[in-house]
Amino acid sequence: MSYCRQEGKDRIIFATKEDHETPSSAELVADDPDDPYEEQGLILPNGDINWNCPCLGGMASGPCGEQFKSAFSCFHYSTEEIKGSDCVDQFRAMQECMQKYPDLYPQEDENDEKEKPSKDLEATPMEASAAKEEKGSS
């Protein structure tokens, strides 16, 4: 015997083996290209920006969401010869906002990137001299 019960916001459905043996009578509905909840990609069929696209990584929301939307919209709709060259002020405002929230928008530290190659470069001469010593001793 199958039954259903409500626990807070959740509905728990128990189904029997017999319930699963009966073929489903559900009908599939054709995809609606104008469905706002359907994943459409970054650009909607009408040319607008899909701010809910997971490809934006949540940048359109949060404390700098409005600045991001302004800069991205400007770039998307830019008709300048160098696309987006008319959007410098919007991108500057977005960057200034993001710098106020380093925990949410981590910046690449130039010092970290300079240190990583130098560590690799330091290891390379040591390995080369060890290889020379091995060749010399044999």
C-alpha atoms as a PDB file:
ATOM      1  CA  MET A   1       0.000   0.000   0.000  1.00  0.00           C
ATOM      2  CA  SER A   2       1.555   3.321  -1.057  1.00  0.00           C
ATOM      3  CA  TYR A   3       1.027   6.497   0.870  1.00  0.00           C
ATOM      4  CA  CYS A   4       2.294  10.046   1.209  1.00  0.00           C
ATOM      5  CA  ARG A   5       3.034  12.173   4.257  1.00  0.00           C
ATOM      6  CA  GLN A   6       4.119  15.760   4.774  1.00  0.00           C
ATOM      7  CA  GLU A   7       7.044  16.646   7.059  1.00  0.00           C
ATOM      8  CA  GLY A   8       7.485  20.397   7.108  1.00  0.00           C
ATOM      9  CA  LYS A   9       8.217  21.526   3.568  1.00  0.00           C
ATOM     10  CA  ASP A  10       9.002  17.966   2.398  1.00  0.00           C
ATOM     11  CA  ARG A  11       6.541  15.470   1.010  1.00  0.00           C
ATOM     12  CA  ILE A  12       7.572  11.839   1.494  1.00  0.00           C
ATOM     13  CA  ILE A  13       6.055   9.314  -0.899  1.00  0.00           C
ATOM     14  CA  PHE A  14       6.195   5.585  -0.240  1.00  0.00           C
ATOM     15  CA  ALA A  15       5.512   3.399  -3.268  1.00  0.00           C
ATOM     16  CA  THR A  16       5.001  -0.341  -3.450  1.00  0.00           C
ATOM     17  CA  LYS A  17       6.463  -2.780  -5.947  1.00  0.00           C
ATOM     18  CA  GLU A  18       3.039  -2.964  -7.584  1.00  0.00           C
ATOM     19  CA  ASP A  19       3.029   0.822  -8.040  1.00  0.00           C
ATOM     20  CA  HIS A  20       6.255   0.542 -10.048  1.00  0.00           C
ATOM     21  CA  GLU A  21       5.002  -2.344 -12.191  1.00  0.00           C
ATOM     22  CA  THR A  22       2.275  -0.179 -13.704  1.00  0.00           C
ATOM     23  CA  PRO A  23       3.501   1.755 -16.775  1.00  0.00           C
ATOM     24  CA  SER A  24       3.617   5.525 -16.380  1.00  0.00           C
ATOM     25  CA  SER A  25       0.875   7.592 -17.954  1.00  0.00           C
ATOM     26  CA  ALA A  26       2.909  10.815 -17.846  1.00  0.00           C
ATOM     27  CA  GLU A  27       3.030  12.798 -21.079  1.00  0.00           C
ATOM     28  CA  LEU A  28       6.120  14.756 -22.053  1.00  0.00           C
ATOM     29  CA  VAL A  29       5.557  18.390 -22.925  1.00  0.00           C
ATOM     30  CA  ALA A  30       7.489  19.891 -25.829  1.00  0.00           C
ATOM     31  CA  ASP A  31      10.226  22.314 -24.792  1.00  0.00           C
ATOM     32  CA  ASP A  32       9.143  25.927 -24.768  1.00  0.00           C
ATOM     33  CA  PRO A  33      11.990  28.099 -26.122  1.00  0.00           C
ATOM     34  CA  ASP A  34      10.583  31.099 -24.208  1.00  0.00           C
ATOM     35  CA  ASP A  35      10.473  29.239 -20.867  1.00  0.00           C
ATOM     36  CA  PRO A  36      12.402  31.528 -18.478  1.00  0.00           C
ATOM     37  CA  TYR A  37      13.358  28.543 -16.323  1.00  0.00           C
ATOM     38  CA  GLU A  38      14.838  26.570 -19.196  1.00  0.00           C
ATOM     39  CA  GLU A  39      18.608  26.745 -19.544  1.00  0.00           C
ATOM     40  CA  GLN A  40      19.166  28.870 -22.629  1.00  0.00           C
ATOM     41  CA  GLY A  41      22.859  29.644 -22.394  1.00  0.00           C
ATOM     42  CA  LEU A  42      24.362  33.080 -21.959  1.00  0.00           C
ATOM     43  CA  ILE A  43      22.419  34.822 -24.720  1.00  0.00           C
ATOM     44  CA  LEU A  44      18.666  34.312 -24.959  1.00  0.00           C
ATOM     45  CA  PRO A  45      16.999  33.775 -28.361  1.00  0.00           C
ATOM     46  CA  ASN A  46      15.876  37.425 -28.357  1.00  0.00           C
ATOM     47  CA  GLY A  47      19.499  38.608 -27.899  1.00  0.00           C
ATOM     48  CA  ASP A  48      19.194  39.582 -24.235  1.00  0.00           C
ATOM     49  CA  ILE A  49      21.670  38.407 -21.616  1.00  0.00           C
ATOM     50  CA  ASN A  50      20.560  35.442 -19.495  1.00  0.00           C
ATOM     51  CA  TRP A  51      21.614  36.601 -16.021  1.00  0.00           C
ATOM     52  CA  ASN A  52      20.597  33.199 -14.598  1.00  0.00           C
ATOM     53  CA  CYS A  53      23.089  31.309 -16.771  1.00  0.00           C
ATOM     54  CA  PRO A  54      25.312  29.099 -14.600  1.00  0.00           C
ATOM     55  CA  CYS A  55      28.186  30.062 -16.911  1.00  0.00           C
ATOM     56  CA  LEU A  56      28.335  33.442 -15.127  1.00  0.00           C
ATOM     57  CA  GLY A  57      29.297  31.702 -11.900  1.00  0.00           C
ATOM     58  CA  GLY A  58      26.943  33.816  -9.801  1.00  0.00           C
ATOM     59  CA  MET A  59      28.703  37.058 -10.729  1.00  0.00           C
ATOM     60  CA  ALA A  60      25.371  38.722 -11.530  1.00  0.00           C
ATOM     61  CA  SER A  61      24.310  38.415  -7.898  1.00  0.00           C
ATOM     62  CA  GLY A  62      26.103  39.354  -4.708  1.00  0.00           C
ATOM     63  CA  PRO A  63      27.417  42.695  -3.535  1.00  0.00           C
ATOM     64  CA  CYS A  64      28.923  43.621  -6.932  1.00  0.00           C
ATOM     65  CA  GLY A  65      26.194  42.105  -9.089  1.00  0.00           C
ATOM     66  CA  GLU A  66      24.857  45.418 -10.365  1.00  0.00           C
ATOM     67  CA  GLN A  67      28.340  46.625 -11.315  1.00  0.00           C
ATOM     68  CA  PHE A  68      28.999  43.317 -13.089  1.00  0.00           C
ATOM     69  CA  LYS A  69      25.708  43.552 -14.981  1.00  0.00           C
ATOM     70  CA  SER A  70      26.462  47.120 -16.007  1.00  0.00           C
ATOM     71  CA  ALA A  71      29.962  46.265 -17.279  1.00  0.00           C
ATOM     72  CA  PHE A  72      28.922  43.032 -18.988  1.00  0.00           C
ATOM     73  CA  SER A  73      25.885  44.663 -20.634  1.00  0.00           C
ATOM     74  CA  CYS A  74      28.020  47.527 -21.882  1.00  0.00           C
ATOM     75  CA  PHE A  75      30.520  45.088 -23.382  1.00  0.00           C
ATOM     76  CA  HIS A  76      27.803  42.849 -24.895  1.00  0.00           C
ATOM     77  CA  TYR A  77      26.001  45.729 -26.588  1.00  0.00           C
ATOM     78  CA  SER A  78      29.162  47.695 -27.481  1.00  0.00           C
ATOM     79  CA  THR A  79      29.396  48.722 -31.126  1.00  0.00           C
ATOM     80  CA  GLU A  80      32.822  50.350 -30.894  1.00  0.00           C
ATOM     81  CA  GLU A  81      35.587  49.312 -33.294  1.00  0.00           C
ATOM     82  CA  ILE A  82      37.460  47.835 -30.337  1.00  0.00           C
ATOM     83  CA  LYS A  83      34.577  46.074 -28.608  1.00  0.00           C
ATOM     84  CA  GLY A  84      34.100  47.278 -25.054  1.00  0.00           C
ATOM     85  CA  SER A  85      36.457  50.235 -25.334  1.00  0.00           C
ATOM     86  CA  ASP A  86      33.524  52.439 -24.322  1.00  0.00           C
ATOM     87  CA  CYS A  87      33.017  50.443 -21.094  1.00  0.00           C
ATOM     88  CA  VAL A  88      36.151  51.335 -19.143  1.00  0.00           C
ATOM     89  CA  ASP A  89      34.241  53.252 -16.449  1.00  0.00           C
ATOM     90  CA  GLN A  90      31.835  50.358 -15.829  1.00  0.00           C
ATOM     91  CA  PHE A  91      34.664  47.823 -15.574  1.00  0.00           C
ATOM     92  CA  ARG A  92      36.607  50.137 -13.248  1.00  0.00           C
ATOM     93  CA  ALA A  93      33.544  50.454 -10.979  1.00  0.00           C
ATOM     94  CA  MET A  94      33.159  46.662 -10.962  1.00  0.00           C
ATOM     95  CA  GLN A  95      36.835  46.163 -10.092  1.00  0.00           C
ATOM     96  CA  GLU A  96      36.694  48.748  -7.299  1.00  0.00           C
ATOM     97  CA  CYS A  97      33.651  46.997  -5.850  1.00  0.00           C
ATOM     98  CA  MET A  98      35.302  43.579  -6.015  1.00  0.00           C
ATOM     99  CA  GLN A  99      38.381  44.875  -4.220  1.00  0.00           C
ATOM    100  CA  LYS A 100      36.145  45.739  -1.252  1.00  0.00           C
ATOM    101  CA  TYR A 101      35.197  42.032  -0.917  1.00  0.00           C
ATOM    102  CA  PRO A 102      38.451  40.033  -1.214  1.00  0.00           C
ATOM    103  CA  ASP A 103      36.894  36.962   0.422  1.00  0.00           C
ATOM    104  CA  LEU A 104      34.178  36.787  -2.250  1.00  0.00           C
ATOM    105  CA  TYR A 105      36.315  37.912  -5.187  1.00  0.00           C
ATOM    106  CA  PRO A 106      39.899  36.705  -4.627  1.00  0.00           C
ATOM    107  CA  GLN A 107      42.538  38.525  -6.648  1.00  0.00           C
ATOM    108  CA  GLU A 108      45.468  36.765  -8.278  1.00  0.00           C
ATOM    109  CA  ASP A 109      48.517  37.874  -6.349  1.00  0.00           C
ATOM    110  CA  GLU A 110      51.365  38.789  -8.676  1.00  0.00           C
ATOM    111  CA  ASN A 111      53.904  37.893  -5.957  1.00  0.00           C
ATOM    112  CA  ASP A 112      52.556  34.331  -5.706  1.00  0.00           C
ATOM    113  CA  GLU A 113      52.905  33.824  -9.445  1.00  0.00           C
ATOM    114  CA  LYS A 114      56.450  35.198  -9.430  1.00  0.00           C
ATOM    115  CA  GLU A 115      57.432  32.914  -6.531  1.00  0.00           C
ATOM    116  CA  LYS A 116      56.128  29.722  -8.139  1.00  0.00           C
ATOM    117  CA  PRO A 117      58.333  29.880 -11.259  1.00  0.00           C
ATOM    118  CA  SER A 118      61.377  30.889  -9.201  1.00  0.00           C
ATOM    119  CA  LYS A 119      60.980  27.786  -7.024  1.00  0.00           C
ATOM    120  CA  ASP A 120      60.832  25.660 -10.146  1.00  0.00           C
ATOM    121  CA  LEU A 121      63.851  27.443 -11.586  1.00  0.00           C
ATOM    122  CA  GLU A 122      65.811  26.872  -8.369  1.00  0.00           C
ATOM    123  CA  ALA A 123      65.113  23.149  -8.507  1.00  0.00           C
ATOM    124  CA  THR A 124      66.184  22.841 -12.149  1.00  0.00           C
ATOM    125  CA  PRO A 125      69.904  23.740 -11.695  1.00  0.00           C
ATOM    126  CA  MET A 126      70.154  21.405  -8.708  1.00  0.00           C
ATOM    127  CA  GLU A 127      68.714  18.540 -10.730  1.00  0.00           C
ATOM    128  CA  ALA A 128      71.066  19.363 -13.615  1.00  0.00           C
ATOM    129  CA  SER A 129      74.146  19.367 -11.371  1.00  0.00           C
ATOM    130  CA  ALA A 130      73.060  16.073  -9.777  1.00  0.00           C
ATOM    131  CA  ALA A 131      72.730  14.549 -13.239  1.00  0.00           C
ATOM    132  CA  LYS A 132      76.248  15.772 -14.147  1.00  0.00           C
ATOM    133  CA  GLU A 133      77.656  14.221 -10.958  1.00  0.00           C
ATOM    134  CA  GLU A 134      76.023  10.879 -11.788  1.00  0.00           C
ATOM    135  CA  LYS A 135      77.534  10.915 -15.305  1.00  0.00           C
ATOM    136  CA  GLY A 136      80.960  11.865 -13.929  1.00  0.00           C
ATOM    137  CA  SER A 137      81.008   9.071 -11.334  1.00  0.00           C
ATOM    138  CA  SER A 138      80.147   6.257 -13.744  1.00  0.00           C
END
